[in-house]
N, C-alpha and C. Protein backbone atom coordinates (compact mmCIF):
# COMPACT_ATOMS: atom_id res chain seq x y z
N MET A 1 20.34 -1.05 31.88
CA MET A 1 20.44 -2.03 30.83
C MET A 1 21.21 -1.41 29.66
N LEU A 2 22.13 -2.17 29.11
CA LEU A 2 22.91 -1.69 27.98
C LEU A 2 22.14 -1.91 26.70
N ARG A 3 22.25 -0.96 25.79
CA ARG A 3 21.65 -1.13 24.48
C ARG A 3 22.77 -1.04 23.46
N PHE A 4 22.50 -1.51 22.28
CA PHE A 4 23.51 -1.50 21.23
C PHE A 4 23.25 -0.35 20.27
N VAL A 5 24.31 0.26 19.81
CA VAL A 5 24.25 1.39 18.90
C VAL A 5 24.84 0.93 17.57
N GLN A 6 24.13 1.20 16.47
CA GLN A 6 24.64 0.82 15.16
C GLN A 6 25.75 1.77 14.74
N LYS A 7 26.89 1.23 14.36
CA LYS A 7 28.03 2.05 13.95
C LYS A 7 28.78 1.34 12.84
N GLN A 8 28.77 1.88 11.66
CA GLN A 8 29.51 1.36 10.52
C GLN A 8 29.41 -0.15 10.37
N GLN A 9 28.26 -0.69 10.23
CA GLN A 9 28.02 -2.09 9.95
C GLN A 9 28.40 -3.04 11.09
N SER A 10 28.81 -2.54 12.24
CA SER A 10 29.04 -3.42 13.38
C SER A 10 28.40 -2.78 14.60
N LYS A 11 27.97 -3.63 15.50
CA LYS A 11 27.29 -3.12 16.69
C LYS A 11 28.31 -2.79 17.77
N VAL A 12 28.08 -1.66 18.41
CA VAL A 12 28.94 -1.20 19.49
C VAL A 12 28.04 -0.97 20.69
N CYS A 13 28.37 -1.56 21.84
CA CYS A 13 27.54 -1.36 23.01
C CYS A 13 27.95 -0.08 23.74
N GLU A 14 27.05 0.42 24.56
CA GLU A 14 27.31 1.65 25.30
C GLU A 14 28.53 1.54 26.20
N ALA A 15 28.76 0.36 26.78
CA ALA A 15 29.92 0.17 27.66
C ALA A 15 31.22 0.37 26.90
N GLN A 16 31.24 -0.05 25.66
CA GLN A 16 32.43 0.12 24.82
C GLN A 16 32.70 1.60 24.57
N LEU A 17 31.64 2.35 24.28
CA LEU A 17 31.79 3.80 24.05
C LEU A 17 32.14 4.53 25.34
N LEU A 18 31.57 4.08 26.46
CA LEU A 18 31.89 4.67 27.76
C LEU A 18 33.36 4.44 28.10
N PHE A 19 33.83 3.22 27.89
CA PHE A 19 35.23 2.91 28.14
C PHE A 19 36.14 3.79 27.28
N ALA A 20 35.81 3.91 26.01
CA ALA A 20 36.60 4.73 25.08
C ALA A 20 36.67 6.18 25.55
N ALA A 21 35.53 6.73 25.94
CA ALA A 21 35.49 8.12 26.39
C ALA A 21 36.29 8.31 27.67
N ASN A 22 36.19 7.35 28.58
CA ASN A 22 36.93 7.45 29.84
C ASN A 22 38.44 7.35 29.63
N VAL A 23 38.86 6.44 28.76
CA VAL A 23 40.29 6.32 28.49
C VAL A 23 40.82 7.64 27.94
N ARG A 24 40.12 8.19 26.97
CA ARG A 24 40.57 9.45 26.36
C ARG A 24 40.56 10.59 27.38
N ARG A 25 39.47 10.70 28.16
CA ARG A 25 39.35 11.79 29.14
C ARG A 25 40.47 11.70 30.18
N ILE A 26 40.69 10.52 30.73
CA ILE A 26 41.71 10.34 31.77
C ILE A 26 43.10 10.57 31.19
N ARG A 27 43.33 10.07 29.98
CA ARG A 27 44.63 10.27 29.34
C ARG A 27 44.92 11.76 29.17
N LEU A 28 43.93 12.52 28.72
CA LEU A 28 44.12 13.95 28.52
C LEU A 28 44.28 14.68 29.85
N GLU A 29 43.50 14.28 30.87
CA GLU A 29 43.64 14.89 32.20
C GLU A 29 45.04 14.69 32.76
N LYS A 30 45.62 13.54 32.47
CA LYS A 30 46.97 13.24 32.97
C LYS A 30 48.06 13.71 32.01
N LYS A 31 47.63 14.38 30.94
CA LYS A 31 48.56 14.94 29.94
C LYS A 31 49.49 13.86 29.37
N LEU A 32 48.90 12.72 29.06
CA LEU A 32 49.64 11.62 28.46
C LEU A 32 49.32 11.54 26.98
N THR A 33 50.28 11.11 26.20
CA THR A 33 50.04 10.86 24.78
C THR A 33 49.54 9.42 24.62
N GLN A 34 48.97 9.14 23.46
CA GLN A 34 48.58 7.76 23.17
C GLN A 34 49.81 6.85 23.18
N GLU A 35 50.92 7.38 22.74
CA GLU A 35 52.15 6.60 22.72
C GLU A 35 52.58 6.22 24.14
N GLN A 36 52.45 7.15 25.08
CA GLN A 36 52.82 6.87 26.47
C GLN A 36 51.90 5.81 27.08
N VAL A 37 50.61 5.92 26.78
CA VAL A 37 49.65 4.92 27.29
C VAL A 37 49.96 3.56 26.67
N ALA A 38 50.22 3.55 25.38
CA ALA A 38 50.53 2.29 24.70
C ALA A 38 51.77 1.64 25.31
N GLU A 39 52.78 2.44 25.57
CA GLU A 39 54.00 1.91 26.17
C GLU A 39 53.73 1.36 27.57
N GLY A 40 52.99 2.11 28.38
CA GLY A 40 52.66 1.67 29.73
C GLY A 40 51.79 0.44 29.77
N ALA A 41 50.94 0.28 28.74
CA ALA A 41 50.03 -0.86 28.67
C ALA A 41 50.63 -2.02 27.88
N GLU A 42 51.81 -1.80 27.30
CA GLU A 42 52.46 -2.79 26.44
C GLU A 42 51.54 -3.19 25.29
N LEU A 43 50.96 -2.17 24.66
CA LEU A 43 50.09 -2.35 23.50
C LEU A 43 50.57 -1.44 22.38
N HIS A 44 50.12 -1.71 21.17
CA HIS A 44 50.50 -0.88 20.04
C HIS A 44 49.72 0.43 20.06
N THR A 45 50.36 1.49 19.61
CA THR A 45 49.72 2.82 19.58
C THR A 45 48.45 2.79 18.73
N ASN A 46 48.45 2.08 17.62
CA ASN A 46 47.26 1.99 16.77
C ASN A 46 46.09 1.35 17.53
N TYR A 47 46.41 0.38 18.38
CA TYR A 47 45.38 -0.28 19.18
C TYR A 47 44.77 0.70 20.18
N VAL A 48 45.63 1.46 20.86
CA VAL A 48 45.15 2.46 21.82
C VAL A 48 44.25 3.47 21.11
N SER A 49 44.65 3.91 19.95
CA SER A 49 43.87 4.86 19.17
C SER A 49 42.50 4.29 18.79
N SER A 50 42.47 3.05 18.35
CA SER A 50 41.19 2.45 17.96
C SER A 50 40.29 2.21 19.17
N VAL A 51 40.89 1.94 20.33
CA VAL A 51 40.09 1.79 21.56
C VAL A 51 39.45 3.14 21.90
N GLU A 52 40.23 4.21 21.83
CA GLU A 52 39.71 5.55 22.14
C GLU A 52 38.60 5.98 21.18
N ARG A 53 38.61 5.45 19.97
CA ARG A 53 37.56 5.76 19.01
C ARG A 53 36.34 4.86 19.18
N GLY A 54 36.42 3.92 20.12
CA GLY A 54 35.30 3.02 20.38
C GLY A 54 35.17 1.92 19.34
N GLU A 55 36.25 1.61 18.67
CA GLU A 55 36.21 0.60 17.61
C GLU A 55 36.56 -0.80 18.10
N ARG A 56 37.00 -0.93 19.33
CA ARG A 56 37.43 -2.23 19.85
C ARG A 56 36.58 -2.66 21.04
N ASN A 57 36.21 -3.92 21.04
CA ASN A 57 35.57 -4.53 22.19
C ASN A 57 36.68 -5.33 22.88
N ILE A 58 37.31 -4.72 23.87
CA ILE A 58 38.55 -5.29 24.40
C ILE A 58 38.31 -6.27 25.54
N SER A 59 39.32 -7.06 25.81
CA SER A 59 39.25 -8.08 26.86
C SER A 59 39.50 -7.47 28.24
N ILE A 60 39.15 -8.23 29.25
CA ILE A 60 39.40 -7.81 30.62
C ILE A 60 40.89 -7.62 30.85
N CYS A 61 41.70 -8.47 30.25
CA CYS A 61 43.16 -8.34 30.40
C CYS A 61 43.64 -6.99 29.87
N ASN A 62 43.10 -6.55 28.75
CA ASN A 62 43.51 -5.26 28.21
C ASN A 62 42.92 -4.09 28.99
N ILE A 63 41.76 -4.28 29.58
CA ILE A 63 41.21 -3.25 30.48
C ILE A 63 42.19 -3.06 31.64
N GLU A 64 42.69 -4.16 32.17
CA GLU A 64 43.66 -4.09 33.25
C GLU A 64 44.93 -3.37 32.79
N ARG A 65 45.37 -3.63 31.59
CA ARG A 65 46.56 -2.96 31.05
C ARG A 65 46.35 -1.45 30.94
N PHE A 66 45.18 -1.03 30.44
CA PHE A 66 44.87 0.39 30.34
C PHE A 66 44.83 1.02 31.73
N ALA A 67 44.21 0.34 32.68
CA ALA A 67 44.13 0.87 34.04
C ALA A 67 45.53 1.06 34.62
N HIS A 68 46.39 0.10 34.40
CA HIS A 68 47.77 0.20 34.89
C HIS A 68 48.49 1.39 34.23
N ALA A 69 48.36 1.51 32.92
CA ALA A 69 49.04 2.58 32.19
C ALA A 69 48.53 3.96 32.60
N LEU A 70 47.24 4.05 32.94
CA LEU A 70 46.64 5.33 33.35
C LEU A 70 46.69 5.53 34.87
N ASN A 71 47.16 4.50 35.59
CA ASN A 71 47.28 4.56 37.05
C ASN A 71 45.93 4.85 37.73
N VAL A 72 44.91 4.09 37.31
CA VAL A 72 43.58 4.18 37.91
C VAL A 72 43.05 2.77 38.15
N PRO A 73 42.11 2.60 39.09
CA PRO A 73 41.49 1.29 39.26
C PRO A 73 40.67 0.93 38.01
N MET A 74 40.56 -0.34 37.71
CA MET A 74 39.85 -0.78 36.50
C MET A 74 38.42 -0.25 36.45
N TYR A 75 37.72 -0.24 37.58
CA TYR A 75 36.31 0.16 37.56
C TYR A 75 36.11 1.60 37.10
N VAL A 76 37.10 2.45 37.30
CA VAL A 76 36.99 3.85 36.90
C VAL A 76 36.82 3.97 35.39
N LEU A 77 37.39 3.05 34.66
CA LEU A 77 37.31 3.10 33.20
C LEU A 77 35.93 2.72 32.67
N LEU A 78 35.09 2.16 33.54
CA LEU A 78 33.74 1.79 33.14
C LEU A 78 32.66 2.57 33.88
N GLN A 79 33.06 3.57 34.63
CA GLN A 79 32.13 4.38 35.40
C GLN A 79 31.69 5.59 34.59
N ARG A 80 30.41 5.91 34.72
CA ARG A 80 29.92 7.13 34.07
C ARG A 80 30.55 8.33 34.75
N HIS A 81 30.92 9.32 33.98
CA HIS A 81 31.63 10.49 34.49
C HIS A 81 30.83 11.20 35.60
N GLU A 82 29.51 11.28 35.45
CA GLU A 82 28.70 11.96 36.47
C GLU A 82 28.69 11.20 37.79
N GLU A 83 28.97 9.89 37.78
CA GLU A 83 29.04 9.10 39.01
C GLU A 83 30.31 9.41 39.80
N LEU A 84 31.31 9.95 39.13
CA LEU A 84 32.58 10.25 39.78
C LEU A 84 32.53 11.55 40.58
N GLN A 85 31.57 12.38 40.31
CA GLN A 85 31.51 13.70 40.96
C GLN A 85 30.65 13.70 42.19
């Protein structure tokens, strides 16, 4: 069950933070810059940065864009890291 975490006057769910951590981890593993991910996802660099900080509750369409830019299946971006091992 997901719970909500209080963060700067707005609620952020664990899935949002998990997605943010996975995007950043995978991007760094693939030695990509935020600019490269933004270009591949056809999104603004500031948007990619705010997603990585867990500040955005993004749409399924943008999850698909991130998956494409990182060359991973969409579900990987929402999987707990320990489940991958």
